[in-house]
PDB file of N, CA and C in Angstrom:
ATOM      1  N   MET A   1      62.140   6.622 -15.545  1.00  0.00           N
ATOM      2  CA  MET A   1      63.464   6.768 -15.356  1.00  0.00           C
ATOM      3  C   MET A   1      63.831   6.998 -13.864  1.00  0.00           C
ATOM      4  N   THR A   2      64.616   6.164 -13.231  1.00  0.00           N
ATOM      5  CA  THR A   2      64.973   6.222 -11.827  1.00  0.00           C
ATOM      6  C   THR A   2      66.392   6.753 -11.623  1.00  0.00           C
ATOM      7  N   GLY A   3      66.486   7.156 -10.315  1.00  0.00           N
ATOM      8  CA  GLY A   3      67.821   7.804 -10.042  1.00  0.00           C
ATOM      9  C   GLY A   3      67.695   9.123  -9.482  1.00  0.00           C
ATOM     10  N   TRP A   4      68.726   9.845  -9.116  1.00  0.00           N
ATOM     11  CA  TRP A   4      68.839  11.121  -8.540  1.00  0.00           C
ATOM     12  C   TRP A   4      68.693  12.100  -9.520  1.00  0.00           C
ATOM     13  N   THR A   5      68.020  13.158  -9.351  1.00  0.00           N
ATOM     14  CA  THR A   5      67.970  14.272 -10.395  1.00  0.00           C
ATOM     15  C   THR A   5      69.234  15.132 -10.091  1.00  0.00           C
ATOM     16  N   TYR A   6      69.359  16.196 -10.844  1.00  0.00           N
ATOM     17  CA  TYR A   6      70.428  17.122 -10.891  1.00  0.00           C
ATOM     18  C   TYR A   6      70.541  17.733  -9.453  1.00  0.00           C
ATOM     19  N   LEU A   7      69.522  18.272  -9.097  1.00  0.00           N
ATOM     20  CA  LEU A   7      69.523  18.857  -7.558  1.00  0.00           C
ATOM     21  C   LEU A   7      69.678  17.769  -6.462  1.00  0.00           C
ATOM     22  N   GLY A   8      69.085  16.686  -6.732  1.00  0.00           N
ATOM     23  CA  GLY A   8      69.158  15.506  -5.917  1.00  0.00           C
ATOM     24  C   GLY A   8      70.660  15.144  -5.522  1.00  0.00           C
ATOM     25  N   VAL A   9      71.521  15.119  -6.658  1.00  0.00           N
ATOM     26  CA  VAL A   9      72.889  14.767  -6.496  1.00  0.00           C
ATOM     27  C   VAL A   9      73.563  15.820  -5.530  1.00  0.00           C
ATOM     28  N   PHE A  10      73.238  17.005  -5.547  1.00  0.00           N
ATOM     29  CA  PHE A  10      73.784  18.105  -4.552  1.00  0.00           C
ATOM     30  C   PHE A  10      73.360  17.879  -3.265  1.00  0.00           C
ATOM     31  N   VAL A  11      71.954  17.666  -3.140  1.00  0.00           N
ATOM     32  CA  VAL A  11      71.294  17.719  -1.812  1.00  0.00           C
ATOM     33  C   VAL A  11      71.862  16.370  -0.956  1.00  0.00           C
ATOM     34  N   VAL A  12      71.848  15.248  -1.734  1.00  0.00           N
ATOM     35  CA  VAL A  12      72.322  14.019  -1.144  1.00  0.00           C
ATOM     36  C   VAL A  12      73.819  14.080  -0.804  1.00  0.00           C
ATOM     37  N   SER A  13      74.528  14.566  -1.803  1.00  0.00           N
ATOM     38  CA  SER A  13      76.047  14.614  -1.520  1.00  0.00           C
ATOM     39  C   SER A  13      76.436  15.525  -0.244  1.00  0.00           C
ATOM     40  N   LEU A  14      75.719  16.629  -0.228  1.00  0.00           N
ATOM     41  CA  LEU A  14      75.886  17.557   0.919  1.00  0.00           C
ATOM     42  C   LEU A  14      75.347  16.763   2.429  1.00  0.00           C
ATOM     43  N   THR A  15      74.203  16.220   2.137  1.00  0.00           N
ATOM     44  CA  THR A  15      73.628  15.644   3.306  1.00  0.00           C
ATOM     45  C   THR A  15      74.687  14.496   3.931  1.00  0.00           C
ATOM     46  N   LEU A  16      75.397  13.701   2.863  1.00  0.00           N
ATOM     47  CA  LEU A  16      76.314  12.585   3.432  1.00  0.00           C
ATOM     48  C   LEU A  16      77.520  13.232   3.786  1.00  0.00           C
ATOM     49  N   PHE A  17      78.057  14.169   3.032  1.00  0.00           N
ATOM     50  CA  PHE A  17      79.503  14.548   3.403  1.00  0.00           C
ATOM     51  C   PHE A  17      79.647  15.642   4.530  1.00  0.00           C
ATOM     52  N   LEU A  18      78.659  16.478   4.625  1.00  0.00           N
ATOM     53  CA  LEU A  18      78.866  17.518   5.715  1.00  0.00           C
ATOM     54  C   LEU A  18      78.919  17.011   7.173  1.00  0.00           C
ATOM     55  N   PRO A  19      78.032  15.961   7.448  1.00  0.00           N
ATOM     56  CA  PRO A  19      78.170  15.404   8.780  1.00  0.00           C
ATOM     57  C   PRO A  19      79.497  14.772   9.077  1.00  0.00           C
ATOM     58  N   VAL A  20      80.033  14.063   7.955  1.00  0.00           N
ATOM     59  CA  VAL A  20      81.249  13.366   8.219  1.00  0.00           C
ATOM     60  C   VAL A  20      82.505  14.539   8.340  1.00  0.00           C
ATOM     61  N   ALA A  21      82.384  15.609   7.568  1.00  0.00           N
ATOM     62  CA  ALA A  21      83.440  16.429   7.595  1.00  0.00           C
ATOM     63  C   ALA A  21      83.286  17.212   8.915  1.00  0.00           C
ATOM     64  N   ALA A  22      82.104  17.582   9.507  1.00  0.00           N
ATOM     65  CA  ALA A  22      81.933  18.094  10.767  1.00  0.00           C
ATOM     66  C   ALA A  22      82.478  17.303  11.905  1.00  0.00           C
ATOM     67  N   ALA A  23      82.195  16.029  11.697  1.00  0.00           N
ATOM     68  CA  ALA A  23      82.726  15.097  12.852  1.00  0.00           C
ATOM     69  C   ALA A  23      84.232  15.041  12.691  1.00  0.00           C
ATOM     70  N   ASP A  24      84.886  15.020  11.554  1.00  0.00           N
ATOM     71  CA  ASP A  24      86.293  14.928  11.313  1.00  0.00           C
ATOM     72  C   ASP A  24      86.841  16.329  11.972  1.00  0.00           C
ATOM     73  N   MET A  25      86.235  17.528  11.714  1.00  0.00           N
ATOM     74  CA  MET A  25      86.750  18.800  12.324  1.00  0.00           C
ATOM     75  C   MET A  25      86.736  18.728  13.820  1.00  0.00           C
ATOM     76  N   VAL A  26      85.563  18.197  14.397  1.00  0.00           N
ATOM     77  CA  VAL A  26      85.331  18.147  15.810  1.00  0.00           C
ATOM     78  C   VAL A  26      86.320  17.252  16.581  1.00  0.00           C
ATOM     79  N   VAL A  27      86.478  16.053  16.047  1.00  0.00           N
ATOM     80  CA  VAL A  27      87.235  15.089  16.559  1.00  0.00           C
ATOM     81  C   VAL A  27      88.666  15.121  16.409  1.00  0.00           C
ATOM     82  N   ASN A  28      89.079  15.440  15.286  1.00  0.00           N
ATOM     83  CA  ASN A  28      90.547  15.480  14.749  1.00  0.00           C
ATOM     84  C   ASN A  28      91.097  16.978  14.720  1.00  0.00           C
ATOM     85  N   ARG A  29      90.163  17.970  15.015  1.00  0.00           N
ATOM     86  CA  ARG A  29      90.560  19.421  14.864  1.00  0.00           C
ATOM     87  C   ARG A  29      91.093  19.820  13.522  1.00  0.00           C
ATOM     88  N   GLY A  30      90.680  19.214  12.482  1.00  0.00           N
ATOM     89  CA  GLY A  30      91.014  19.424  11.171  1.00  0.00           C
ATOM     90  C   GLY A  30      90.670  18.531  10.094  1.00  0.00           C
ATOM     91  N   ILE A  31      91.087  18.616   8.916  1.00  0.00           N
ATOM     92  CA  ILE A  31      90.774  17.754   7.926  1.00  0.00           C
ATOM     93  C   ILE A  31      91.701  16.569   7.886  1.00  0.00           C
ATOM     94  N   THR A  32      91.241  15.303   8.026  1.00  0.00           N
ATOM     95  CA  THR A  32      92.134  14.281   7.979  1.00  0.00           C
ATOM     96  C   THR A  32      91.731  13.323   6.811  1.00  0.00           C
ATOM     97  N   MET A  33      92.165  12.087   6.999  1.00  0.00           N
ATOM     98  CA  MET A  33      91.870  11.021   5.863  1.00  0.00           C
ATOM     99  C   MET A  33      90.395  10.671   5.924  1.00  0.00           C
ATOM    100  N   VAL A  34      89.667  10.823   7.136  1.00  0.00           N
ATOM    101  CA  VAL A  34      88.315  10.677   7.069  1.00  0.00           C
ATOM    102  C   VAL A  34      87.598  11.522   6.011  1.00  0.00           C
ATOM    103  N   SER A  35      87.809  12.773   5.808  1.00  0.00           N
ATOM    104  CA  SER A  35      87.207  13.675   4.850  1.00  0.00           C
ATOM    105  C   SER A  35      87.696  13.301   3.565  1.00  0.00           C
ATOM    106  N   LEU A  36      89.083  12.993   3.450  1.00  0.00           N
ATOM    107  CA  LEU A  36      89.732  12.883   2.266  1.00  0.00           C
ATOM    108  C   LEU A  36      89.239  11.678   1.530  1.00  0.00           C
ATOM    109  N   VAL A  37      88.681  10.549   2.202  1.00  0.00           N
ATOM    110  CA  VAL A  37      88.139   9.399   1.771  1.00  0.00           C
ATOM    111  C   VAL A  37      86.599   9.569   1.485  1.00  0.00           C
ATOM    112  N   ALA A  38      86.014  10.337   2.309  1.00  0.00           N
ATOM    113  CA  ALA A  38      84.551  10.472   2.232  1.00  0.00           C
ATOM    114  C   ALA A  38      84.177  11.243   0.990  1.00  0.00           C
ATOM    115  N   LEU A  39      84.826  12.289   0.502  1.00  0.00           N
ATOM    116  CA  LEU A  39      84.594  13.058  -0.733  1.00  0.00           C
ATOM    117  C   LEU A  39      84.573  12.037  -1.914  1.00  0.00           C
ATOM    118  N   PRO A  40      85.563  11.281  -2.157  1.00  0.00           N
ATOM    119  CA  PRO A  40      85.490  10.423  -3.311  1.00  0.00           C
ATOM    120  C   PRO A  40      84.406   9.268  -3.245  1.00  0.00           C
ATOM    121  N   ALA A  41      84.248   8.884  -1.977  1.00  0.00           N
ATOM    122  CA  ALA A  41      83.258   7.827  -1.840  1.00  0.00           C
ATOM    123  C   ALA A  41      81.829   8.402  -2.192  1.00  0.00           C
ATOM    124  N   VAL A  42      81.503   9.596  -1.651  1.00  0.00           N
ATOM    125  CA  VAL A  42      80.259  10.280  -1.989  1.00  0.00           C
ATOM    126  C   VAL A  42      80.151  10.619  -3.492  1.00  0.00           C
ATOM    127  N   SER A  43      81.114  11.014  -4.002  1.00  0.00           N
ATOM    128  CA  SER A  43      81.128  11.353  -5.426  1.00  0.00           C
ATOM    129  C   SER A  43      80.849  10.125  -6.264  1.00  0.00           C
ATOM    130  N   VAL A  44      81.494   8.988  -6.038  1.00  0.00           N
ATOM    131  CA  VAL A  44      81.301   7.807  -6.761  1.00  0.00           C
ATOM    132  C   VAL A  44      79.787   7.306  -6.561  1.00  0.00           C
ATOM    133  N   LEU A  45      79.343   7.398  -5.329  1.00  0.00           N
ATOM    134  CA  LEU A  45      77.950   6.985  -4.983  1.00  0.00           C
ATOM    135  C   LEU A  45      77.010   7.913  -5.809  1.00  0.00           C
ATOM    136  N   ALA A  46      77.189   9.211  -5.896  1.00  0.00           N
ATOM    137  CA  ALA A  46      76.432   9.979  -6.644  1.00  0.00           C
ATOM    138  C   ALA A  46      76.516   9.711  -8.126  1.00  0.00           C
ATOM    139  N   ALA A  47      77.585   9.437  -8.607  1.00  0.00           N
ATOM    140  CA  ALA A  47      77.790   9.045 -10.101  1.00  0.00           C
ATOM    141  C   ALA A  47      77.017   7.709 -10.375  1.00  0.00           C
ATOM    142  N   MET A  48      76.957   6.818  -9.492  1.00  0.00           N
ATOM    143  CA  MET A  48      76.287   5.659  -9.789  1.00  0.00           C
ATOM    144  C   MET A  48      74.798   5.798  -9.610  1.00  0.00           C
ATOM    145  N   ARG A  49      74.302   6.637  -8.832  1.00  0.00           N
ATOM    146  CA  ARG A  49      72.881   6.670  -8.647  1.00  0.00           C
ATOM    147  C   ARG A  49      72.097   7.973  -9.492  1.00  0.00           C
ATOM    148  N   VAL A  50      72.894   8.808 -10.075  1.00  0.00           N
ATOM    149  CA  VAL A  50      72.261   9.864 -10.782  1.00  0.00           C
ATOM    150  C   VAL A  50      71.672   9.296 -12.014  1.00  0.00           C
ATOM    151  N   ARG A  51      70.483  10.023 -12.583  1.00  0.00           N
ATOM    152  CA  ARG A  51      69.989   9.633 -13.733  1.00  0.00           C
ATOM    153  C   ARG A  51      70.898  10.044 -14.903  1.00  0.00           C
ATOM    154  N   LEU A  52      70.978   9.447 -15.898  1.00  0.00           N
ATOM    155  CA  LEU A  52      71.909   9.661 -16.943  1.00  0.00           C
ATOM    156  C   LEU A  52      71.704  11.062 -17.654  1.00  0.00           C
ATOM    157  N   PRO A  53      70.421  11.559 -17.786  1.00  0.00           N
ATOM    158  CA  PRO A  53      70.428  12.821 -18.428  1.00  0.00           C
ATOM    159  C   PRO A  53      70.937  13.907 -17.476  1.00  0.00           C
ATOM    160  N   ASP A  54      71.004  13.624 -16.153  1.00  0.00           N
ATOM    161  CA  ASP A  54      71.461  14.693 -15.200  1.00  0.00           C
ATOM    162  C   ASP A  54      72.954  14.251 -14.878  1.00  0.00           C
ATOM    163  N   ALA A  55      73.580  13.423 -15.579  1.00  0.00           N
ATOM    164  CA  ALA A  55      74.905  12.925 -15.095  1.00  0.00           C
ATOM    165  C   ALA A  55      76.033  14.070 -14.869  1.00  0.00           C
ATOM    166  N   SER A  56      75.878  15.183 -15.651  1.00  0.00           N
ATOM    167  CA  SER A  56      76.911  16.259 -15.429  1.00  0.00           C
ATOM    168  C   SER A  56      76.914  16.673 -13.944  1.00  0.00           C
ATOM    169  N   ALA A  57      75.856  16.514 -13.150  1.00  0.00           N
ATOM    170  CA  ALA A  57      75.850  16.879 -11.847  1.00  0.00           C
ATOM    171  C   ALA A  57      76.888  16.214 -10.912  1.00  0.00           C
ATOM    172  N   ALA A  58      77.089  14.857 -11.427  1.00  0.00           N
ATOM    173  CA  ALA A  58      77.897  14.129 -10.644  1.00  0.00           C
ATOM    174  C   ALA A  58      79.518  14.540 -10.680  1.00  0.00           C
ATOM    175  N   TYR A  59      79.806  15.162 -11.857  1.00  0.00           N
ATOM    176  CA  TYR A  59      81.181  15.686 -11.777  1.00  0.00           C
ATOM    177  C   TYR A  59      81.410  17.159 -11.428  1.00  0.00           C
ATOM    178  N   TRP A  60      80.270  17.813 -11.258  1.00  0.00           N
ATOM    179  CA  TRP A  60      80.289  19.115 -10.824  1.00  0.00           C
ATOM    180  C   TRP A  60      80.226  19.171  -9.291  1.00  0.00           C
ATOM    181  N   ALA A  61      79.609  18.108  -8.778  1.00  0.00           N
ATOM    182  CA  ALA A  61      79.289  18.144  -7.333  1.00  0.00           C
ATOM    183  C   ALA A  61      80.577  18.065  -6.343  1.00  0.00           C
ATOM    184  N   PRO A  62      81.594  17.266  -6.751  1.00  0.00           N
ATOM    185  CA  PRO A  62      82.690  17.241  -5.695  1.00  0.00           C
ATOM    186  C   PRO A  62      83.332  18.549  -5.373  1.00  0.00           C
ATOM    187  N   ALA A  63      83.490  19.422  -6.299  1.00  0.00           N
ATOM    188  CA  ALA A  63      84.183  20.721  -6.073  1.00  0.00           C
ATOM    189  C   ALA A  63      83.115  21.625  -5.300  1.00  0.00           C
ATOM    190  N   LEU A  64      81.934  21.603  -5.723  1.00  0.00           N
ATOM    191  CA  LEU A  64      80.946  22.507  -5.004  1.00  0.00           C
ATOM    192  C   LEU A  64      80.604  22.061  -3.503  1.00  0.00           C
ATOM    193  N   VAL A  65      80.713  20.624  -3.428  1.00  0.00           N
ATOM    194  CA  VAL A  65      80.412  20.187  -2.112  1.00  0.00           C
ATOM    195  C   VAL A  65      81.664  20.493  -1.134  1.00  0.00           C
ATOM    196  N   TRP A  66      82.837  20.342  -1.841  1.00  0.00           N
ATOM    197  CA  TRP A  66      84.005  20.740  -0.955  1.00  0.00           C
ATOM    198  C   TRP A  66      84.017  22.057  -0.547  1.00  0.00           C
ATOM    199  N   LEU A  67      83.484  23.029  -1.419  1.00  0.00           N
ATOM    200  CA  LEU A  67      83.623  24.410  -1.250  1.00  0.00           C
ATOM    201  C   LEU A  67      82.541  24.831  -0.118  1.00  0.00           C
ATOM    202  N   ILE A  68      81.300  24.262  -0.230  1.00  0.00           N
ATOM    203  CA  ILE A  68      80.268  24.451   0.792  1.00  0.00           C
ATOM    204  C   ILE A  68      80.777  23.792   2.168  1.00  0.00           C
ATOM    205  N   ALA A  69      81.441  22.768   2.198  1.00  0.00           N
ATOM    206  CA  ALA A  69      81.988  22.243   3.408  1.00  0.00           C
ATOM    207  C   ALA A  69      82.960  23.077   4.036  1.00  0.00           C
ATOM    208  N   LEU A  70      83.924  23.560   3.204  1.00  0.00           N
ATOM    209  CA  LEU A  70      84.992  24.455   3.657  1.00  0.00           C
ATOM    210  C   LEU A  70      84.455  25.656   4.302  1.00  0.00           C
ATOM    211  N   GLU A  71      83.451  26.171   3.610  1.00  0.00           N
ATOM    212  CA  GLU A  71      82.940  27.459   4.311  1.00  0.00           C
ATOM    213  C   GLU A  71      81.850  27.331   5.381  1.00  0.00           C
ATOM    214  N   THR A  72      81.455  26.052   5.607  1.00  0.00           N
ATOM    215  CA  THR A  72      80.545  25.752   6.796  1.00  0.00           C
ATOM    216  C   THR A  72      81.310  25.127   7.894  1.00  0.00           C
ATOM    217  N   VAL A  73      81.356  23.857   7.687  1.00  0.00           N
ATOM    218  CA  VAL A  73      81.976  23.116   8.825  1.00  0.00           C
ATOM    219  C   VAL A  73      83.442  23.356   8.830  1.00  0.00           C
ATOM    220  N   GLY A  74      84.092  23.941   7.857  1.00  0.00           N
ATOM    221  CA  GLY A  74      85.519  24.220   7.937  1.00  0.00           C
ATOM    222  C   GLY A  74      85.732  25.367   8.900  1.00  0.00           C
ATOM    223  N   GLN A  75      84.836  26.055   9.365  1.00  0.00           N
ATOM    224  CA  GLN A  75      84.866  27.167  10.285  1.00  0.00           C
ATOM    225  C   GLN A  75      84.939  26.715  11.725  1.00  0.00           C
ATOM    226  N   ILE A  76      84.655  25.287  12.028  1.00  0.00           N
ATOM    227  CA  ILE A  76      84.642  24.847  13.374  1.00  0.00           C
ATOM    228  C   ILE A  76      85.999  24.956  13.948  1.00  0.00           C
ATOM    229  N   GLY A  77      86.165  25.566  15.085  1.00  0.00           N
ATOM    230  CA  GLY A  77      87.268  25.603  15.909  1.00  0.00           C
ATOM    231  C   GLY A  77      88.130  26.966  15.486  1.00  0.00           C
ATOM    232  N   ARG A  78      87.809  27.710  14.535  1.00  0.00           N
ATOM    233  CA  ARG A  78      88.479  28.882  14.183  1.00  0.00           C
ATOM    234  C   ARG A  78      88.293  30.098  15.157  1.00  0.00           C
ATOM    235  N   ASP A  79      89.318  30.805  15.350  1.00  0.00           N
ATOM    236  CA  ASP A  79      89.363  31.954  16.177  1.00  0.00           C
ATOM    237  C   ASP A  79      88.706  33.055  15.509  1.00  0.00           C
ATOM    238  N   PHE A  80      87.534  33.569  15.819  1.00  0.00           N
ATOM    239  CA  PHE A  80      86.939  34.548  15.147  1.00  0.00           C
ATOM    240  C   PHE A  80      87.180  36.089  15.806  1.00  0.00           C
ATOM    241  N   SER A  81      87.917  36.106  16.803  1.00  0.00           N
ATOM    242  CA  SER A  81      88.168  37.327  17.450  1.00  0.00           C
ATOM    243  C   SER A  81      89.144  38.118  16.536  1.00  0.00           C
ATOM    244  N   VAL A  82      90.001  37.575  15.794  1.00  0.00           N
ATOM    245  CA  VAL A  82      90.903  38.287  14.942  1.00  0.00           C
ATOM    246  C   VAL A  82      90.688  38.056  13.468  1.00  0.00           C
ATOM    247  N   GLU A  83      89.412  37.547  13.114  1.00  0.00           N
ATOM    248  CA  GLU A  83      89.076  37.362  11.786  1.00  0.00           C
ATOM    249  C   GLU A  83      88.898  38.617  10.962  1.00  0.00           C
ATOM    250  N   SER A  84      89.117  38.488   9.715  1.00  0.00           N
ATOM    251  CA  SER A  84      88.920  39.545   8.846  1.00  0.00           C
ATOM    252  C   SER A  84      88.664  39.024   7.376  1.00  0.00           C
ATOM    253  N   ALA A  85      88.189  39.785   6.524  1.00  0.00           N
ATOM    254  CA  ALA A  85      87.812  39.383   5.290  1.00  0.00           C
ATOM    255  C   ALA A  85      89.049  38.791   4.478  1.00  0.00           C
ATOM    256  N   ARG A  86      90.238  39.329   4.723  1.00  0.00           N
ATOM    257  CA  ARG A  86      91.519  38.779   4.236  1.00  0.00           C
ATOM    258  C   ARG A  86      91.833  37.400   4.814  1.00  0.00           C
ATOM    259  N   SER A  87      91.539  37.222   6.025  1.00  0.00           N
ATOM    260  CA  SER A  87      91.925  35.823   6.501  1.00  0.00           C
ATOM    261  C   SER A  87      90.893  34.839   6.077  1.00  0.00           C
ATOM    262  N   GLN A  88      89.676  35.278   5.770  1.00  0.00           N
ATOM    263  CA  GLN A  88      88.664  34.259   5.113  1.00  0.00           C
ATOM    264  C   GLN A  88      89.071  33.936   3.613  1.00  0.00           C
ATOM    265  N   ILE A  89      89.555  34.963   2.991  1.00  0.00           N
ATOM    266  CA  ILE A  89      90.019  34.615   1.573  1.00  0.00           C
ATOM    267  C   ILE A  89      91.282  33.720   1.717  1.00  0.00           C
ATOM    268  N   VAL A  90      92.075  33.852   2.575  1.00  0.00           N
ATOM    269  CA  VAL A  90      93.258  33.074   2.633  1.00  0.00           C
ATOM    270  C   VAL A  90      92.803  31.615   3.121  1.00  0.00           C
ATOM    271  N   HIS A  91      91.777  31.413   4.011  1.00  0.00           N
ATOM    272  CA  HIS A  91      91.335  30.278   4.429  1.00  0.00           C
ATOM    273  C   HIS A  91      90.800  29.467   3.216  1.00  0.00           C
ATOM    274  N   LEU A  92      89.963  30.225   2.472  1.00  0.00           N
ATOM    275  CA  LEU A  92      89.194  29.608   1.322  1.00  0.00           C
ATOM    276  C   LEU A  92      90.289  29.254   0.255  1.00  0.00           C
ATOM    277  N   ALA A  93      91.209  30.104  -0.074  1.00  0.00           N
ATOM    278  CA  ALA A  93      92.358  29.621  -1.013  1.00  0.00           C
ATOM    279  C   ALA A  93      93.177  28.524  -0.570  1.00  0.00           C
ATOM    280  N   TYR A  94      93.610  28.439   0.658  1.00  0.00           N
ATOM    281  CA  TYR A  94      94.306  27.414   1.152  1.00  0.00           C
ATOM    282  C   TYR A  94      93.381  26.067   1.083  1.00  0.00           C
ATOM    283  N   GLY A  95      92.227  26.107   1.514  1.00  0.00           N
ATOM    284  CA  GLY A  95      91.294  24.885   1.538  1.00  0.00           C
ATOM    285  C   GLY A  95      91.201  24.312   0.130  1.00  0.00           C
ATOM    286  N   LEU A  96      91.033  25.203  -0.926  1.00  0.00           N
ATOM    287  CA  LEU A  96      90.893  24.698  -2.258  1.00  0.00           C
ATOM    288  C   LEU A  96      92.295  24.213  -2.821  1.00  0.00           C
ATOM    289  N   ALA A  97      93.266  25.016  -2.594  1.00  0.00           N
ATOM    290  CA  ALA A  97      94.628  24.585  -3.205  1.00  0.00           C
ATOM    291  C   ALA A  97      95.225  23.410  -2.518  1.00  0.00           C
ATOM    292  N   ASN A  98      95.248  23.400  -1.323  1.00  0.00           N
ATOM    293  CA  ASN A  98      95.826  22.181  -0.479  1.00  0.00           C
ATOM    294  C   ASN A  98      95.150  20.951  -0.750  1.00  0.00           C
ATOM    295  N   TYR A  99      93.886  20.832  -1.062  1.00  0.00           N
ATOM    296  CA  TYR A  99      93.144  19.612  -1.145  1.00  0.00           C
ATOM    297  C   TYR A  99      92.630  19.617  -2.650  1.00  0.00           C
ATOM    298  N   ALA A 100      93.382  20.152  -3.626  1.00  0.00           N
ATOM    299  CA  ALA A 100      92.807  20.122  -4.982  1.00  0.00           C
ATOM    300  C   ALA A 100      93.189  18.743  -5.560  1.00  0.00           C
ATOM    301  N   VAL A 101      94.033  18.004  -5.090  1.00  0.00           N
ATOM    302  CA  VAL A 101      94.158  16.532  -5.471  1.00  0.00           C
ATOM    303  C   VAL A 101      92.936  15.771  -5.222  1.00  0.00           C
ATOM    304  N   THR A 102      92.455  15.945  -4.082  1.00  0.00           N
ATOM    305  CA  THR A 102      91.214  15.162  -3.637  1.00  0.00           C
ATOM    306  C   THR A 102      90.144  15.580  -4.331  1.00  0.00           C
ATOM    307  N   ILE A 103      89.913  16.882  -4.766  1.00  0.00           N
ATOM    308  CA  ILE A 103      88.858  17.388  -5.381  1.00  0.00           C
ATOM    309  C   ILE A 103      88.829  16.882  -6.800  1.00  0.00           C
ATOM    310  N   LEU A 104      89.954  17.075  -7.480  1.00  0.00           N
ATOM    311  CA  LEU A 104      90.061  16.579  -8.788  1.00  0.00           C
ATOM    312  C   LEU A 104      90.014  15.113  -8.973  1.00  0.00           C
ATOM    313  N   GLY A 105      90.617  14.311  -7.912  1.00  0.00           N
ATOM    314  CA  GLY A 105      90.487  12.903  -8.005  1.00  0.00           C
ATOM    315  C   GLY A 105      89.032  12.375  -7.836  1.00  0.00           C
ATOM    316  N   SER A 106      88.182  13.125  -6.935  1.00  0.00           N
ATOM    317  CA  SER A 106      86.905  12.741  -6.895  1.00  0.00           C
ATOM    318  C   SER A 106      86.065  13.067  -8.075  1.00  0.00           C
ATOM    319  N   THR A 107      86.421  14.279  -8.629  1.00  0.00           N
ATOM    320  CA  THR A 107      85.786  14.660  -9.982  1.00  0.00           C
ATOM    321  C   THR A 107      86.121  13.492 -11.048  1.00  0.00           C
ATOM    322  N   LEU A 108      87.285  13.156 -11.161  1.00  0.00           N
ATOM    323  CA  LEU A 108      87.766  12.058 -12.172  1.00  0.00           C
ATOM    324  C   LEU A 108      87.027  10.791 -11.986  1.00  0.00           C
ATOM    325  N   ALA A 109      86.972  10.383 -10.651  1.00  0.00           N
ATOM    326  CA  ALA A 109      86.332   9.132 -10.299  1.00  0.00           C
ATOM    327  C   ALA A 109      84.858   9.301 -10.743  1.00  0.00           C
ATOM    328  N   ALA A 110      84.136  10.199 -10.457  1.00  0.00           N
ATOM    329  CA  ALA A 110      82.887  10.359 -10.893  1.00  0.00           C
ATOM    330  C   ALA A 110      82.590  10.330 -12.334  1.00  0.00           C
ATOM    331  N   LEU A 111      83.485  11.200 -12.883  1.00  0.00           N
ATOM    332  CA  LEU A 111      83.496  11.026 -14.475  1.00  0.00           C
ATOM    333  C   LEU A 111      83.617   9.825 -15.118  1.00  0.00           C
ATOM    334  N   VAL A 112      84.523   8.992 -14.578  1.00  0.00           N
ATOM    335  CA  VAL A 112      84.843   7.426 -15.117  1.00  0.00           C
ATOM    336  C   VAL A 112      83.560   6.794 -14.912  1.00  0.00           C
ATOM    337  N   VAL A 113      82.937   6.837 -13.729  1.00  0.00           N
ATOM    338  CA  VAL A 113      81.765   6.036 -13.325  1.00  0.00           C
ATOM    339  C   VAL A 113      80.690   6.463 -14.311  1.00  0.00           C
ATOM    340  N   VAL A 114      80.535   7.728 -14.511  1.00  0.00           N
ATOM    341  CA  VAL A 114      79.415   8.101 -15.482  1.00  0.00           C
ATOM    342  C   VAL A 114      79.713   7.574 -17.009  1.00  0.00           C
ATOM    343  N   LEU A 115      81.006   7.646 -17.398  1.00  0.00           N
ATOM    344  CA  LEU A 115      81.165   7.274 -18.723  1.00  0.00           C
ATOM    345  C   LEU A 115      81.175   5.703 -18.886  1.00  0.00           C
ATOM    346  N   ILE A 116      81.406   5.092 -17.801  1.00  0.00           N
ATOM    347  CA  ILE A 116      81.139   3.477 -17.905  1.00  0.00           C
ATOM    348  C   ILE A 116      79.595   3.381 -17.894  1.00  0.00           C
ATOM    349  N   ARG A 117      78.922   4.003 -17.161  1.00  0.00           N
ATOM    350  CA  ARG A 117      77.355   3.773 -17.182  1.00  0.00           C
ATOM    351  C   ARG A 117      76.867   4.125 -18.509  1.00  0.00           C
ATOM    352  N   ARG A 118      77.331   5.230 -19.135  1.00  0.00           N
ATOM    353  CA  ARG A 118      76.841   5.539 -20.534  1.00  0.00           C
ATOM    354  C   ARG A 118      77.273   4.620 -21.463  1.00  0.00           C
ATOM    355  N   SER A 119      78.449   3.959 -21.469  1.00  0.00           N
ATOM    356  CA  SER A 119      78.785   3.086 -22.386  1.00  0.00           C
ATOM    357  C   SER A 119      78.009   1.688 -22.359  1.00  0.00           C
ATOM    358  N   ARG A 120      77.473   1.358 -21.127  1.00  0.00           N
ATOM    359  CA  ARG A 120      76.703   0.204 -20.962  1.00  0.00           C
ATOM    360  C   ARG A 120      75.202   0.361 -21.306  1.00  0.00           C
ATOM    361  N   ARG A 121      74.742   1.626 -21.483  1.00  0.00           N
ATOM    362  CA  ARG A 121      73.506   1.935 -21.735  1.00  0.00           C
ATOM    363  C   ARG A 121      72.922   1.260 -23.150  1.00  0.00           C
ATOM    364  N   PRO A 122      71.818   0.575 -22.969  1.00  0.00           N
ATOM    365  CA  PRO A 122      71.399  -0.049 -24.371  1.00  0.00           C
ATOM    366  C   PRO A 122      70.840   0.997 -25.315  1.00  0.00           C
TER     367      PRO A 122
END
């Protein structure tokens, strides 16, 4: 059985997405279409490469990858002199709510790819 394992989906997805999101934050000073296209692309790639017994990782990964990116590279360029726990919570809520369409779209795309792969399995 070849393909990415459950853990491999997360490791490879993060390895591919985090540098793209970091470059987007540095160059464009925020999240732009670069990151919004990269997440679905990485999600579909993961769904195509994951082993079928571990396929549920493909549709869990987009939300978790986005959350990790938001809390790591999403901090680039933020002013920490006035940071508080409350502003971190607002940053997290805004990052998840404002980009929910991208997260859900990536999840749906990965799910469709997994379902197509399962239907073609002999």
